Amino acid sequence: MSKIPVYMIANLVVSDVDEYKNYEKGFFPILKRFGGEFITFDDNHENLEGADPLEGRVIIFRFPSEQVAKDWYNDDEYQTLSESRRAVLRLGL
């Protein structure tokens, strides 16, 4: 696989702010361990054209490569942490 940086976009609606903050505390150290970078987030995004499929928070991350992004996502520690995220967030697709 290529070493071209990849960007991951997450779209979510936070239903429990306190639990989400706990998720964030665990999230960033794992992201950093894989060389991932938090780029930005927007709670009030604006769609300039076409149907707007997004609601809630939009987040952008950068990883050094596609393989690193997949390794991060499939990491046991991250998947365990993700269980708490899934309990308090509704993800947009």
PDB file of N, CA and C in Angstrom:
ATOM      1  N   MET A   1       0.824  -1.184   0.000  1.00  0.00           N
ATOM      2  CA  MET A   1       0.000   0.000   0.000  1.00  0.00           C
ATOM      3  C   MET A   1       0.871   1.251   0.000  1.00  0.00           C
ATOM      4  N   SER A   2       0.306   2.286  -0.481  1.00  0.00           N
ATOM      5  CA  SER A   2       1.007   3.545  -0.636  1.00  0.00           C
ATOM      6  C   SER A   2       1.273   4.229   0.703  1.00  0.00           C
ATOM      7  N   LYS A   3       2.289   5.047   0.715  1.00  0.00           N
ATOM      8  CA  LYS A   3       2.616   5.862   1.893  1.00  0.00           C
ATOM      9  C   LYS A   3       2.028   7.264   1.775  1.00  0.00           C
ATOM     10  N   ILE A   4       1.020   7.418   0.941  1.00  0.00           N
ATOM     11  CA  ILE A   4       0.357   8.706   0.780  1.00  0.00           C
ATOM     12  C   ILE A   4      -0.529   8.950   2.000  1.00  0.00           C
ATOM     13  N   PRO A   5      -0.471  10.143   2.594  1.00  0.00           N
ATOM     14  CA  PRO A   5      -1.338  10.432   3.741  1.00  0.00           C
ATOM     15  C   PRO A   5      -2.813  10.258   3.368  1.00  0.00           C
ATOM     16  N   VAL A   6      -3.591   9.811   4.330  1.00  0.00           N
ATOM     17  CA  VAL A   6      -5.031   9.677   4.139  1.00  0.00           C
ATOM     18  C   VAL A   6      -5.753  10.479   5.208  1.00  0.00           C
ATOM     19  N   TYR A   7      -6.947  10.901   4.875  1.00  0.00           N
ATOM     20  CA  TYR A   7      -7.776  11.676   5.790  1.00  0.00           C
ATOM     21  C   TYR A   7      -9.032  10.879   6.109  1.00  0.00           C
ATOM     22  N   MET A   8      -9.400  10.881   7.358  1.00  0.00           N
ATOM     23  CA  MET A   8     -10.598  10.194   7.800  1.00  0.00           C
ATOM     24  C   MET A   8     -11.577  11.249   8.290  1.00  0.00           C
ATOM     25  N   ILE A   9     -12.823  11.117   7.867  1.00  0.00           N
ATOM     26  CA  ILE A   9     -13.863  12.052   8.280  1.00  0.00           C
ATOM     27  C   ILE A   9     -14.872  11.283   9.127  1.00  0.00           C
ATOM     28  N   ALA A  10     -15.141  11.798  10.309  1.00  0.00           N
ATOM     29  CA  ALA A  10     -16.155  11.217  11.188  1.00  0.00           C
ATOM     30  C   ALA A  10     -17.295  12.206  11.323  1.00  0.00           C
ATOM     31  N   ASN A  11     -18.488  11.696  11.343  1.00  0.00           N
ATOM     32  CA  ASN A  11     -19.680  12.516  11.526  1.00  0.00           C
ATOM     33  C   ASN A  11     -20.470  11.873  12.653  1.00  0.00           C
ATOM     34  N   LEU A  12     -20.716  12.620  13.730  1.00  0.00           N
ATOM     35  CA  LEU A  12     -21.379  12.028  14.875  1.00  0.00           C
ATOM     36  C   LEU A  12     -22.251  13.029  15.603  1.00  0.00           C
ATOM     37  N   VAL A  13     -23.184  12.481  16.353  1.00  0.00           N
ATOM     38  CA  VAL A  13     -24.051  13.284  17.205  1.00  0.00           C
ATOM     39  C   VAL A  13     -23.797  12.812  18.634  1.00  0.00           C
ATOM     40  N   VAL A  14     -23.358  13.715  19.490  1.00  0.00           N
ATOM     41  CA  VAL A  14     -23.047  13.382  20.882  1.00  0.00           C
ATOM     42  C   VAL A  14     -24.336  13.406  21.689  1.00  0.00           C
ATOM     43  N   SER A  15     -24.655  12.269  22.311  1.00  0.00           N
ATOM     44  CA  SER A  15     -25.870  12.209  23.125  1.00  0.00           C
ATOM     45  C   SER A  15     -25.574  12.297  24.623  1.00  0.00           C
ATOM     46  N   ASP A  16     -24.317  12.107  25.010  1.00  0.00           N
ATOM     47  CA  ASP A  16     -23.917  12.194  26.421  1.00  0.00           C
ATOM     48  C   ASP A  16     -22.552  12.875  26.479  1.00  0.00           C
ATOM     49  N   VAL A  17     -22.535  14.162  26.755  1.00  0.00           N
ATOM     50  CA  VAL A  17     -21.313  14.966  26.703  1.00  0.00           C
ATOM     51  C   VAL A  17     -20.257  14.462  27.685  1.00  0.00           C
ATOM     52  N   ASP A  18     -20.638  14.099  28.895  1.00  0.00           N
ATOM     53  CA  ASP A  18     -19.662  13.636  29.887  1.00  0.00           C
ATOM     54  C   ASP A  18     -18.989  12.337  29.445  1.00  0.00           C
ATOM     55  N   GLU A  19     -19.767  11.395  28.939  1.00  0.00           N
ATOM     56  CA  GLU A  19     -19.184  10.136  28.465  1.00  0.00           C
ATOM     57  C   GLU A  19     -18.307  10.368  27.243  1.00  0.00           C
ATOM     58  N   TYR A  20     -18.701  11.299  26.382  1.00  0.00           N
ATOM     59  CA  TYR A  20     -17.890  11.614  25.210  1.00  0.00           C
ATOM     60  C   TYR A  20     -16.542  12.184  25.632  1.00  0.00           C
ATOM     61  N   LYS A  21     -16.527  13.013  26.660  1.00  0.00           N
ATOM     62  CA  LYS A  21     -15.262  13.561  27.162  1.00  0.00           C
ATOM     63  C   LYS A  21     -14.357  12.440  27.664  1.00  0.00           C
ATOM     64  N   ASN A  22     -14.927  11.433  28.323  1.00  0.00           N
ATOM     65  CA  ASN A  22     -14.136  10.274  28.759  1.00  0.00           C
ATOM     66  C   ASN A  22     -13.561   9.532  27.560  1.00  0.00           C
ATOM     67  N   TYR A  23     -14.356   9.396  26.504  1.00  0.00           N
ATOM     68  CA  TYR A  23     -13.882   8.757  25.267  1.00  0.00           C
ATOM     69  C   TYR A  23     -12.719   9.541  24.680  1.00  0.00           C
ATOM     70  N   GLU A  24     -12.848  10.865  24.618  1.00  0.00           N
ATOM     71  CA  GLU A  24     -11.783  11.700  24.061  1.00  0.00           C
ATOM     72  C   GLU A  24     -10.472  11.532  24.822  1.00  0.00           C
ATOM     73  N   LYS A  25     -10.542  11.422  26.149  1.00  0.00           N
ATOM     74  CA  LYS A  25      -9.328  11.254  26.958  1.00  0.00           C
ATOM     75  C   LYS A  25      -8.552  10.017  26.549  1.00  0.00           C
ATOM     76  N   GLY A  26      -9.240   8.954  26.215  1.00  0.00           N
ATOM     77  CA  GLY A  26      -8.575   7.734  25.780  1.00  0.00           C
ATOM     78  C   GLY A  26      -8.226   7.752  24.306  1.00  0.00           C
ATOM     79  N   PHE A  27      -8.987   8.497  23.526  1.00  0.00           N
ATOM     80  CA  PHE A  27      -8.829   8.507  22.072  1.00  0.00           C
ATOM     81  C   PHE A  27      -7.515   9.129  21.614  1.00  0.00           C
ATOM     82  N   PHE A  28      -7.212  10.302  22.112  1.00  0.00           N
ATOM     83  CA  PHE A  28      -6.058  11.041  21.584  1.00  0.00           C
ATOM     84  C   PHE A  28      -4.719  10.342  21.800  1.00  0.00           C
ATOM     85  N   PRO A  29      -4.470   9.701  22.944  1.00  0.00           N
ATOM     86  CA  PRO A  29      -3.201   8.967  23.075  1.00  0.00           C
ATOM     87  C   PRO A  29      -3.072   7.817  22.061  1.00  0.00           C
ATOM     88  N   ILE A  30      -4.175   7.144  21.766  1.00  0.00           N
ATOM     89  CA  ILE A  30      -4.124   6.053  20.780  1.00  0.00           C
ATOM     90  C   ILE A  30      -3.888   6.629  19.392  1.00  0.00           C
ATOM     91  N   LEU A  31      -4.574   7.703  19.047  1.00  0.00           N
ATOM     92  CA  LEU A  31      -4.375   8.353  17.755  1.00  0.00           C
ATOM     93  C   LEU A  31      -2.914   8.746  17.580  1.00  0.00           C
ATOM     94  N   LYS A  32      -2.336   9.344  18.598  1.00  0.00           N
ATOM     95  CA  LYS A  32      -0.940   9.793  18.541  1.00  0.00           C
ATOM     96  C   LYS A  32       0.025   8.613  18.379  1.00  0.00           C
ATOM     97  N   ARG A  33      -0.279   7.514  19.057  1.00  0.00           N
ATOM     98  CA  ARG A  33       0.584   6.325  18.977  1.00  0.00           C
ATOM     99  C   ARG A  33       0.702   5.819  17.540  1.00  0.00           C
ATOM    100  N   PHE A  34      -0.333   6.022  16.744  1.00  0.00           N
ATOM    101  CA  PHE A  34      -0.325   5.578  15.351  1.00  0.00           C
ATOM    102  C   PHE A  34       0.101   6.677  14.383  1.00  0.00           C
ATOM    103  N   GLY A  35       0.561   7.794  14.918  1.00  0.00           N
ATOM    104  CA  GLY A  35       1.000   8.883  14.054  1.00  0.00           C
ATOM    105  C   GLY A  35      -0.150   9.656  13.443  1.00  0.00           C
ATOM    106  N   GLY A  36      -1.349   9.466  13.986  1.00  0.00           N
ATOM    107  CA  GLY A  36      -2.515  10.190  13.495  1.00  0.00           C
ATOM    108  C   GLY A  36      -2.546  11.602  14.033  1.00  0.00           C
ATOM    109  N   GLU A  37      -3.160  12.480  13.287  1.00  0.00           N
ATOM    110  CA  GLU A  37      -3.283  13.881  13.693  1.00  0.00           C
ATOM    111  C   GLU A  37      -4.740  14.311  13.653  1.00  0.00           C
ATOM    112  N   PHE A  38      -5.159  15.027  14.671  1.00  0.00           N
ATOM    113  CA  PHE A  38      -6.459  15.666  14.679  1.00  0.00           C
ATOM    114  C   PHE A  38      -6.309  16.932  13.858  1.00  0.00           C
ATOM    115  N   ILE A  39      -7.136  17.093  12.819  1.00  0.00           N
ATOM    116  CA  ILE A  39      -7.040  18.274  11.967  1.00  0.00           C
ATOM    117  C   ILE A  39      -8.017  19.349  12.437  1.00  0.00           C
ATOM    118  N   THR A  40      -9.302  19.030  12.492  1.00  0.00           N
ATOM    119  CA  THR A  40     -10.302  20.022  12.887  1.00  0.00           C
ATOM    120  C   THR A  40     -11.634  19.344  13.183  1.00  0.00           C
ATOM    121  N   PHE A  41     -12.541  20.111  13.765  1.00  0.00           N
ATOM    122  CA  PHE A  41     -13.926  19.662  13.914  1.00  0.00           C
ATOM    123  C   PHE A  41     -14.825  20.867  13.703  1.00  0.00           C
ATOM    124  N   ASP A  42     -16.098  20.575  13.400  1.00  0.00           N
ATOM    125  CA  ASP A  42     -17.066  21.641  13.188  1.00  0.00           C
ATOM    126  C   ASP A  42     -18.422  21.157  13.682  1.00  0.00           C
ATOM    127  N   ASP A  43     -18.992  21.888  14.612  1.00  0.00           N
ATOM    128  CA  ASP A  43     -20.324  21.551  15.112  1.00  0.00           C
ATOM    129  C   ASP A  43     -21.422  22.260  14.334  1.00  0.00           C
ATOM    130  N   ASN A  44     -21.043  23.195  13.474  1.00  0.00           N
ATOM    131  CA  ASN A  44     -22.030  23.981  12.710  1.00  0.00           C
ATOM    132  C   ASN A  44     -21.607  24.076  11.250  1.00  0.00           C
ATOM    133  N   HIS A  45     -21.347  22.928  10.628  1.00  0.00           N
ATOM    134  CA  HIS A  45     -20.884  22.939   9.244  1.00  0.00           C
ATOM    135  C   HIS A  45     -21.963  23.511   8.314  1.00  0.00           C
ATOM    136  N   GLU A  46     -21.519  23.999   7.188  1.00  0.00           N
ATOM    137  CA  GLU A  46     -22.430  24.585   6.204  1.00  0.00           C
ATOM    138  C   GLU A  46     -22.252  23.862   4.878  1.00  0.00           C
ATOM    139  N   ASN A  47     -23.321  23.369   4.338  1.00  0.00           N
ATOM    140  CA  ASN A  47     -23.305  22.707   3.045  1.00  0.00           C
ATOM    141  C   ASN A  47     -23.626  23.742   1.972  1.00  0.00           C
ATOM    142  N   LEU A  48     -22.741  23.892   1.008  1.00  0.00           N
ATOM    143  CA  LEU A  48     -22.933  24.935  -0.003  1.00  0.00           C
ATOM    144  C   LEU A  48     -23.672  24.457  -1.235  1.00  0.00           C
ATOM    145  N   GLU A  49     -23.750  23.133  -1.449  1.00  0.00           N
ATOM    146  CA  GLU A  49     -24.408  22.649  -2.655  1.00  0.00           C
ATOM    147  C   GLU A  49     -24.911  21.232  -2.440  1.00  0.00           C
ATOM    148  N   GLY A  50     -26.044  20.913  -3.020  1.00  0.00           N
ATOM    149  CA  GLY A  50     -26.605  19.576  -2.951  1.00  0.00           C
ATOM    150  C   GLY A  50     -27.218  19.272  -1.597  1.00  0.00           C
ATOM    151  N   ALA A  51     -27.690  18.050  -1.470  1.00  0.00           N
ATOM    152  CA  ALA A  51     -28.301  17.613  -0.214  1.00  0.00           C
ATOM    153  C   ALA A  51     -27.232  17.523   0.869  1.00  0.00           C
ATOM    154  N   ASP A  52     -27.587  17.882   2.066  1.00  0.00           N
ATOM    155  CA  ASP A  52     -26.662  17.847   3.191  1.00  0.00           C
ATOM    156  C   ASP A  52     -26.900  16.564   3.994  1.00  0.00           C
ATOM    157  N   PRO A  53     -26.058  15.561   3.810  1.00  0.00           N
ATOM    158  CA  PRO A  53     -26.266  14.300   4.515  1.00  0.00           C
ATOM    159  C   PRO A  53     -25.737  14.301   5.943  1.00  0.00           C
ATOM    160  N   LEU A  54     -25.060  15.368   6.331  1.00  0.00           N
ATOM    161  CA  LEU A  54     -24.385  15.402   7.621  1.00  0.00           C
ATOM    162  C   LEU A  54     -25.190  16.155   8.663  1.00  0.00           C
ATOM    163  N   GLU A  55     -25.108  15.679   9.890  1.00  0.00           N
ATOM    164  CA  GLU A  55     -25.674  16.408  11.026  1.00  0.00           C
ATOM    165  C   GLU A  55     -24.713  16.239  12.186  1.00  0.00           C
ATOM    166  N   GLY A  56     -24.797  17.129  13.149  1.00  0.00           N
ATOM    167  CA  GLY A  56     -23.928  17.026  14.311  1.00  0.00           C
ATOM    168  C   GLY A  56     -22.512  17.465  14.023  1.00  0.00           C
ATOM    169  N   ARG A  57     -21.572  16.820  14.663  1.00  0.00           N
ATOM    170  CA  ARG A  57     -20.150  17.176  14.587  1.00  0.00           C
ATOM    171  C   ARG A  57     -19.467  16.441  13.435  1.00  0.00           C
ATOM    172  N   VAL A  58     -18.663  17.179  12.683  1.00  0.00           N
ATOM    173  CA  VAL A  58     -17.833  16.612  11.630  1.00  0.00           C
ATOM    174  C   VAL A  58     -16.385  16.767  12.085  1.00  0.00           C
ATOM    175  N   ILE A  59     -15.621  15.676  12.048  1.00  0.00           N
ATOM    176  CA  ILE A  59     -14.239  15.667  12.533  1.00  0.00           C
ATOM    177  C   ILE A  59     -13.338  15.133  11.426  1.00  0.00           C
ATOM    178  N   ILE A  60     -12.155  15.727  11.273  1.00  0.00           N
ATOM    179  CA  ILE A  60     -11.197  15.271  10.266  1.00  0.00           C
ATOM    180  C   ILE A  60      -9.891  14.908  10.953  1.00  0.00           C
ATOM    181  N   PHE A  61      -9.380  13.705  10.612  1.00  0.00           N
ATOM    182  CA  PHE A  61      -8.097  13.201  11.103  1.00  0.00           C
ATOM    183  C   PHE A  61      -7.210  12.892   9.909  1.00  0.00           C
ATOM    184  N   ARG A  62      -5.914  12.906  10.146  1.00  0.00           N
ATOM    185  CA  ARG A  62      -4.942  12.578   9.104  1.00  0.00           C
ATOM    186  C   ARG A  62      -4.060  11.450   9.612  1.00  0.00           C
ATOM    187  N   PHE A  63      -3.763  10.494   8.741  1.00  0.00           N
ATOM    188  CA  PHE A  63      -2.856   9.393   9.058  1.00  0.00           C
ATOM    189  C   PHE A  63      -1.756   9.336   8.017  1.00  0.00           C
ATOM    190  N   PRO A  64      -0.574   8.826   8.368  1.00  0.00           N
ATOM    191  CA  PRO A  64       0.541   8.781   7.421  1.00  0.00           C
ATOM    192  C   PRO A  64       0.271   7.924   6.181  1.00  0.00           C
ATOM    193  N   SER A  65      -0.608   6.921   6.306  1.00  0.00           N
ATOM    194  CA  SER A  65      -0.920   6.058   5.167  1.00  0.00           C
ATOM    195  C   SER A  65      -2.247   5.350   5.422  1.00  0.00           C
ATOM    196  N   GLU A  66      -2.770   4.757   4.381  1.00  0.00           N
ATOM    197  CA  GLU A  66      -4.012   3.996   4.510  1.00  0.00           C
ATOM    198  C   GLU A  66      -3.825   2.826   5.471  1.00  0.00           C
ATOM    199  N   GLN A  67      -2.680   2.145   5.371  1.00  0.00           N
ATOM    200  CA  GLN A  67      -2.443   1.001   6.239  1.00  0.00           C
ATOM    201  C   GLN A  67      -2.377   1.411   7.705  1.00  0.00           C
ATOM    202  N   VAL A  68      -1.757   2.533   7.995  1.00  0.00           N
ATOM    203  CA  VAL A  68      -1.688   3.011   9.380  1.00  0.00           C
ATOM    204  C   VAL A  68      -3.091   3.328   9.893  1.00  0.00           C
ATOM    205  N   ALA A  69      -3.924   3.948   9.055  1.00  0.00           N
ATOM    206  CA  ALA A  69      -5.300   4.257   9.460  1.00  0.00           C
ATOM    207  C   ALA A  69      -6.063   2.974   9.775  1.00  0.00           C
ATOM    208  N   LYS A  70      -5.889   1.953   8.956  1.00  0.00           N
ATOM    209  CA  LYS A  70      -6.553   0.674   9.199  1.00  0.00           C
ATOM    210  C   LYS A  70      -6.016  -0.002  10.457  1.00  0.00           C
ATOM    211  N   ASP A  71      -4.702   0.076  10.652  1.00  0.00           N
ATOM    212  CA  ASP A  71      -4.102  -0.509  11.862  1.00  0.00           C
ATOM    213  C   ASP A  71      -4.636   0.181  13.112  1.00  0.00           C
ATOM    214  N   TRP A  72      -4.764   1.506  13.066  1.00  0.00           N
ATOM    215  CA  TRP A  72      -5.325   2.266  14.191  1.00  0.00           C
ATOM    216  C   TRP A  72      -6.749   1.817  14.467  1.00  0.00           C
ATOM    217  N   TYR A  73      -7.564   1.785  13.425  1.00  0.00           N
ATOM    218  CA  TYR A  73      -8.972   1.438  13.603  1.00  0.00           C
ATOM    219  C   TYR A  73      -9.134   0.018  14.161  1.00  0.00           C
ATOM    220  N   ASN A  74      -8.313  -0.902  13.725  1.00  0.00           N
ATOM    221  CA  ASN A  74      -8.416  -2.300  14.151  1.00  0.00           C
ATOM    222  C   ASN A  74      -7.651  -2.618  15.430  1.00  0.00           C
ATOM    223  N   ASP A  75      -6.976  -1.639  15.994  1.00  0.00           N
ATOM    224  CA  ASP A  75      -6.216  -1.830  17.224  1.00  0.00           C
ATOM    225  C   ASP A  75      -7.139  -2.274  18.360  1.00  0.00           C
ATOM    226  N   ASP A  76      -6.727  -3.300  19.102  1.00  0.00           N
ATOM    227  CA  ASP A  76      -7.547  -3.828  20.198  1.00  0.00           C
ATOM    228  C   ASP A  76      -7.911  -2.760  21.219  1.00  0.00           C
ATOM    229  N   GLU A  77      -6.932  -1.927  21.587  1.00  0.00           N
ATOM    230  CA  GLU A  77      -7.198  -0.885  22.583  1.00  0.00           C
ATOM    231  C   GLU A  77      -8.230   0.119  22.050  1.00  0.00           C
ATOM    232  N   TYR A  78      -8.094   0.502  20.770  1.00  0.00           N
ATOM    233  CA  TYR A  78      -9.052   1.439  20.201  1.00  0.00           C
ATOM    234  C   TYR A  78     -10.436   0.806  20.093  1.00  0.00           C
ATOM    235  N   GLN A  79     -10.513  -0.446  19.689  1.00  0.00           N
ATOM    236  CA  GLN A  79     -11.821  -1.103  19.574  1.00  0.00           C
ATOM    237  C   GLN A  79     -12.507  -1.218  20.937  1.00  0.00           C
ATOM    238  N   THR A  80     -11.737  -1.486  21.980  1.00  0.00           N
ATOM    239  CA  THR A  80     -12.305  -1.523  23.328  1.00  0.00           C
ATOM    240  C   THR A  80     -12.855  -0.156  23.704  1.00  0.00           C
ATOM    241  N   LEU A  81     -12.067   0.887  23.447  1.00  0.00           N
ATOM    242  CA  LEU A  81     -12.513   2.249  23.714  1.00  0.00           C
ATOM    243  C   LEU A  81     -13.747   2.598  22.877  1.00  0.00           C
ATOM    244  N   SER A  82     -13.790   2.121  21.653  1.00  0.00           N
ATOM    245  CA  SER A  82     -14.903   2.407  20.752  1.00  0.00           C
ATOM    246  C   SER A  82     -16.232   1.880  21.271  1.00  0.00           C
ATOM    247  N   GLU A  83     -16.191   0.855  22.089  1.00  0.00           N
ATOM    248  CA  GLU A  83     -17.431   0.342  22.662  1.00  0.00           C
ATOM    249  C   GLU A  83     -18.130   1.434  23.468  1.00  0.00           C
ATOM    250  N   SER A  84     -17.357   2.231  24.211  1.00  0.00           N
ATOM    251  CA  SER A  84     -17.970   3.332  24.973  1.00  0.00           C
ATOM    252  C   SER A  84     -18.468   4.419  24.032  1.00  0.00           C
ATOM    253  N   ARG A  85     -17.740   4.665  22.940  1.00  0.00           N
ATOM    254  CA  ARG A  85     -18.186   5.659  21.949  1.00  0.00           C
ATOM    255  C   ARG A  85     -19.505   5.228  21.332  1.00  0.00           C
ATOM    256  N   ARG A  86     -19.585   3.990  20.967  1.00  0.00           N
ATOM    257  CA  ARG A  86     -20.816   3.492  20.343  1.00  0.00           C
ATOM    258  C   ARG A  86     -22.011   3.597  21.273  1.00  0.00           C
ATOM    259  N   ALA A  87     -21.759   3.536  22.562  1.00  0.00           N
ATOM    260  CA  ALA A  87     -22.842   3.612  23.548  1.00  0.00           C
ATOM    261  C   ALA A  87     -23.410   5.027  23.688  1.00  0.00           C
ATOM    262  N   VAL A  88     -22.606   6.047  23.365  1.00  0.00           N
ATOM    263  CA  VAL A  88     -23.060   7.422  23.593  1.00  0.00           C
ATOM    264  C   VAL A  88     -23.151   8.273  22.339  1.00  0.00           C
ATOM    265  N   LEU A  89     -22.814   7.714  21.183  1.00  0.00           N
ATOM    266  CA  LEU A  89     -22.831   8.494  19.953  1.00  0.00           C
ATOM    267  C   LEU A  89     -23.690   7.845  18.898  1.00  0.00           C
ATOM    268  N   ARG A  90     -24.259   8.678  18.069  1.00  0.00           N
ATOM    269  CA  ARG A  90     -24.932   8.207  16.870  1.00  0.00           C
ATOM    270  C   ARG A  90     -24.064   8.660  15.719  1.00  0.00           C
ATOM    271  N   LEU A  91     -23.569   7.706  14.927  1.00  0.00           N
ATOM    272  CA  LEU A  91     -22.681   8.039  13.831  1.00  0.00           C
ATOM    273  C   LEU A  91     -23.449   8.267  12.553  1.00  0.00           C
ATOM    274  N   GLY A  92     -23.058   9.294  11.816  1.00  0.00           N
ATOM    275  CA  GLY A  92     -23.619   9.531  10.493  1.00  0.00           C
ATOM    276  C   GLY A  92     -22.761   8.817   9.458  1.00  0.00           C
ATOM    277  N   LEU A  93     -23.361   8.482   8.365  1.00  0.00           N
ATOM    278  CA  LEU A  93     -22.605   7.823   7.285  1.00  0.00           C
ATOM    279  C   LEU A  93     -22.639   8.667   6.037  1.00  0.00           C
TER     280      LEU A  93
END
